[in-house]
Amino acid sequence: MQRLFWIILFRLLGWDTRAHFPSGIKKCVIIAGPHTHWMDFPVGLAYRSIMRLNAAHYLAKKELFDGPFGFFFRWAGGIPVDRFSKHNVVDQVVDILSAHTDMMIALSPEGTRKKVDRLRTGFYYIAKKAGIPIVMVGFDFLNRRVLVSAPFYTSDSPKADFDRILNFFAPIQGKIPSQGFAGISNQFE
């Protein structure tokens, strides 16, 4: 029922609902972007439902789960991470992934809605350490569609992997175009 609601709503709003997630994936890191506006969150939740990604969860700072809306973030598939723990975030997430047979973790490679010069690397090291693929999901507000890449595993060349990521996201226009991937440099150059 929830899926039907999102399909109808997004079609009424002019969004293309035909995005397809690669089949047969039980575990992966989903990087979604460009993350430029609070609207990215409901678009992501909607497409998770439309694409039937029941095993998909997202990471968020644990402080969001402490307040009065903590129940909502848990209900919506959020997993709290303690950014200040002695047990670093990469290890926390790898442990969570190891405890499940079907789990996808979604996060923003920018780590914020603000304009950044470089991407965060935690998602990359989570995928590498867990031995799972990365799937890129782009929120294209200009053309009102979601783009999904083929899955890929990290290689021995972080530079090549980040070039691939930047090339995928660079042409995608987020809700606030000036905060997108244009001008982001590869930190492995």
Protein backbone atom coordinates (compact mmCIF):
# COMPACT_ATOMS: atom_id res chain seq x y z
CA MET A 1 0.00 0.00 0.00
CA GLN A 2 2.80 2.39 0.91
CA ARG A 3 4.54 1.65 -2.42
CA LEU A 4 1.37 2.46 -4.37
CA PHE A 5 1.02 5.76 -2.47
CA TRP A 6 4.57 6.81 -3.42
CA ILE A 7 4.14 5.79 -7.06
CA ILE A 8 0.93 7.80 -7.41
CA LEU A 9 2.32 10.82 -5.55
CA PHE A 10 5.54 10.92 -7.52
CA ARG A 11 3.76 10.52 -10.85
CA LEU A 12 1.47 13.40 -9.90
CA LEU A 13 4.58 15.47 -9.08
CA GLY A 14 6.10 14.58 -12.45
CA TRP A 15 8.82 12.20 -11.21
CA ASP A 16 9.78 9.14 -13.25
CA THR A 17 9.17 6.08 -11.07
CA ARG A 18 10.82 3.53 -13.34
CA ALA A 19 14.20 3.37 -11.58
CA HIS A 20 15.49 -0.18 -11.17
CA PHE A 21 17.88 -1.38 -8.54
CA PRO A 22 20.30 -4.14 -9.58
CA SER A 23 18.79 -7.52 -8.73
CA GLY A 24 20.34 -10.23 -6.61
CA ILE A 25 22.17 -7.94 -4.20
CA LYS A 26 21.79 -8.90 -0.55
CA LYS A 27 24.36 -6.50 0.91
CA CYS A 28 25.80 -3.27 -0.38
CA VAL A 29 26.66 0.31 0.44
CA ILE A 30 24.33 2.72 -1.35
CA ILE A 31 25.74 6.18 -1.84
CA ALA A 32 23.00 8.69 -2.62
CA GLY A 33 23.54 12.19 -3.89
CA PRO A 34 23.95 14.92 -4.57
CA HIS A 35 22.77 15.69 -1.06
CA THR A 36 21.81 19.37 -1.28
CA HIS A 37 18.44 19.73 0.45
CA TRP A 38 16.22 18.18 3.13
CA MET A 39 13.96 16.94 0.29
CA ASP A 40 16.58 14.30 -0.54
CA PHE A 41 15.45 12.32 2.51
CA PRO A 42 11.78 11.87 1.50
CA VAL A 43 12.81 11.22 -2.12
CA GLY A 44 15.15 8.49 -0.87
CA LEU A 45 12.47 6.95 1.36
CA ALA A 46 9.96 7.03 -1.49
CA TYR A 47 12.27 5.35 -3.97
CA ARG A 48 13.30 2.76 -1.38
CA SER A 49 9.64 1.80 -1.23
CA ILE A 50 9.08 2.04 -5.00
CA MET A 51 12.12 -0.17 -5.71
CA ARG A 52 11.10 -2.58 -2.92
CA LEU A 53 14.39 -2.28 -1.07
CA ASN A 54 13.15 -3.68 2.24
CA ALA A 55 16.70 -4.43 3.40
CA ALA A 56 17.84 -0.84 2.84
CA HIS A 57 18.62 1.29 5.88
CA TYR A 58 20.39 4.60 6.26
CA LEU A 59 23.02 5.89 8.64
CA ALA A 60 22.44 8.97 10.75
CA LYS A 61 24.14 10.60 13.69
CA LYS A 62 22.90 9.07 16.94
CA GLU A 63 21.80 12.46 18.27
CA LEU A 64 18.81 12.35 15.88
CA PHE A 65 17.58 9.22 17.62
CA ASP A 66 17.83 10.67 21.13
CA GLY A 67 15.18 13.39 20.75
CA PRO A 68 11.40 13.24 20.50
CA PHE A 69 11.55 12.19 16.84
CA GLY A 70 13.87 9.25 17.43
CA PHE A 71 10.99 6.80 16.91
CA PHE A 72 10.40 8.23 13.43
CA PHE A 73 14.03 7.83 12.35
CA ARG A 74 14.03 4.21 13.59
CA TRP A 75 10.68 3.49 11.90
CA ALA A 76 12.02 4.95 8.65
CA GLY A 77 14.97 2.53 8.67
CA GLY A 78 17.61 4.64 10.36
CA ILE A 79 20.63 3.20 12.10
CA PRO A 80 22.27 5.48 14.66
CA VAL A 81 26.05 5.80 14.62
CA ASP A 82 28.18 7.32 17.33
CA ARG A 83 30.65 9.57 15.53
CA PHE A 84 32.66 10.07 18.73
CA SER A 85 32.98 6.46 19.83
CA LYS A 86 36.38 4.82 20.37
CA HIS A 87 35.04 2.16 17.99
CA ASN A 88 35.14 4.15 14.72
CA VAL A 89 32.10 4.46 12.44
CA VAL A 90 33.54 2.21 9.73
CA ASP A 91 34.01 -0.63 12.23
CA GLN A 92 30.57 0.01 13.78
CA VAL A 93 28.87 -0.31 10.38
CA VAL A 94 30.92 -3.34 9.31
CA ASP A 95 29.87 -5.05 12.56
CA ILE A 96 26.20 -4.22 11.83
CA LEU A 97 26.51 -5.59 8.29
CA SER A 98 28.21 -8.74 9.56
CA ALA A 99 25.28 -9.45 11.86
CA HIS A 100 22.77 -9.57 8.96
CA THR A 101 22.41 -11.70 5.84
CA ASP A 102 20.39 -9.06 3.95
CA MET A 103 21.28 -5.44 4.63
CA MET A 104 21.96 -2.39 2.53
CA ILE A 105 23.37 0.75 4.09
CA ALA A 106 22.61 4.10 2.43
CA LEU A 107 24.46 7.30 3.11
CA SER A 108 25.55 10.53 1.50
CA PRO A 109 29.13 10.58 0.21
CA GLU A 110 29.28 14.31 0.96
CA GLY A 111 28.29 13.78 4.60
CA THR A 112 26.33 17.06 4.65
CA ARG A 113 23.92 19.16 2.61
CA LYS A 114 26.47 21.97 2.33
CA LYS A 115 28.86 22.40 -0.60
CA VAL A 116 32.01 20.33 -0.10
CA ASP A 117 35.41 20.24 -1.84
CA ARG A 118 35.97 16.52 -1.25
CA LEU A 119 33.87 13.48 -0.50
CA ARG A 120 33.96 11.63 2.78
CA THR A 121 35.64 8.24 2.53
CA GLY A 122 33.86 6.22 5.23
CA PHE A 123 31.42 4.62 2.77
CA TYR A 124 34.37 3.46 0.66
CA TYR A 125 36.16 1.81 3.57
CA ILE A 126 32.93 0.23 4.83
CA ALA A 127 32.43 -1.43 1.42
CA LYS A 128 36.10 -2.43 1.22
CA LYS A 129 36.30 -3.86 4.74
CA ALA A 130 32.93 -5.66 4.47
CA GLY A 131 33.74 -6.97 0.97
CA ILE A 132 30.47 -5.70 -0.48
CA PRO A 133 29.68 -3.63 -3.58
CA ILE A 134 28.83 0.05 -3.83
CA VAL A 135 25.70 1.14 -5.71
CA MET A 136 25.38 4.81 -6.64
CA VAL A 137 21.93 6.44 -6.57
CA GLY A 138 21.52 9.92 -8.00
CA PHE A 139 18.64 12.28 -7.18
CA ASP A 140 18.15 14.23 -10.42
CA PHE A 141 15.78 17.07 -9.52
CA LEU A 142 16.18 18.76 -12.91
CA ASN A 143 14.74 15.77 -14.81
CA ARG A 144 12.72 14.44 -11.85
CA ARG A 145 14.18 10.97 -11.82
CA VAL A 146 16.42 8.70 -9.83
CA LEU A 147 19.47 7.18 -11.52
CA VAL A 148 20.97 3.91 -10.30
CA SER A 149 24.41 2.60 -11.24
CA ALA A 150 25.57 -0.96 -11.66
CA PRO A 151 27.21 -2.28 -8.49
CA PHE A 152 30.99 -2.18 -8.25
CA TYR A 153 33.55 -3.41 -5.75
CA THR A 154 36.39 -1.26 -4.51
CA SER A 155 39.60 -1.87 -6.39
CA ASP A 156 43.28 -1.48 -5.60
CA SER A 157 43.04 2.05 -7.02
CA PRO A 158 41.03 4.42 -4.82
CA LYS A 159 41.78 7.17 -7.35
CA ALA A 160 40.08 5.21 -10.15
CA ASP A 161 37.15 4.32 -7.89
CA PHE A 162 36.61 7.95 -6.85
CA ASP A 163 36.94 9.11 -10.46
CA ARG A 164 34.12 6.67 -11.27
CA ILE A 165 31.99 8.05 -8.43
CA LEU A 166 32.61 11.69 -9.35
CA ASN A 167 31.88 10.99 -13.04
CA PHE A 168 28.54 9.37 -12.13
CA PHE A 169 27.34 12.19 -9.87
CA ALA A 170 28.84 15.25 -11.64
CA PRO A 171 26.08 15.68 -14.28
CA ILE A 172 23.23 15.06 -11.81
CA GLN A 173 21.51 18.23 -10.63
CA GLY A 174 20.35 18.18 -7.03
CA LYS A 175 17.59 20.32 -5.56
CA ILE A 176 20.14 23.13 -5.05
CA PRO A 177 22.40 22.83 -8.11
CA SER A 178 25.19 25.04 -6.76
CA GLN A 179 25.82 22.52 -3.95
CA GLY A 180 26.20 19.51 -6.24
CA PHE A 181 29.30 17.59 -7.32
CA ALA A 182 30.66 20.21 -9.72
CA GLY A 183 34.08 21.27 -8.49
CA ILE A 184 34.59 18.36 -6.09
CA SER A 185 38.13 17.05 -6.45
CA ASN A 186 39.39 13.53 -6.10
CA GLN A 187 41.22 13.35 -2.78
CA PHE A 188 43.35 10.47 -4.06
CA GLU A 189 45.10 12.54 -6.75
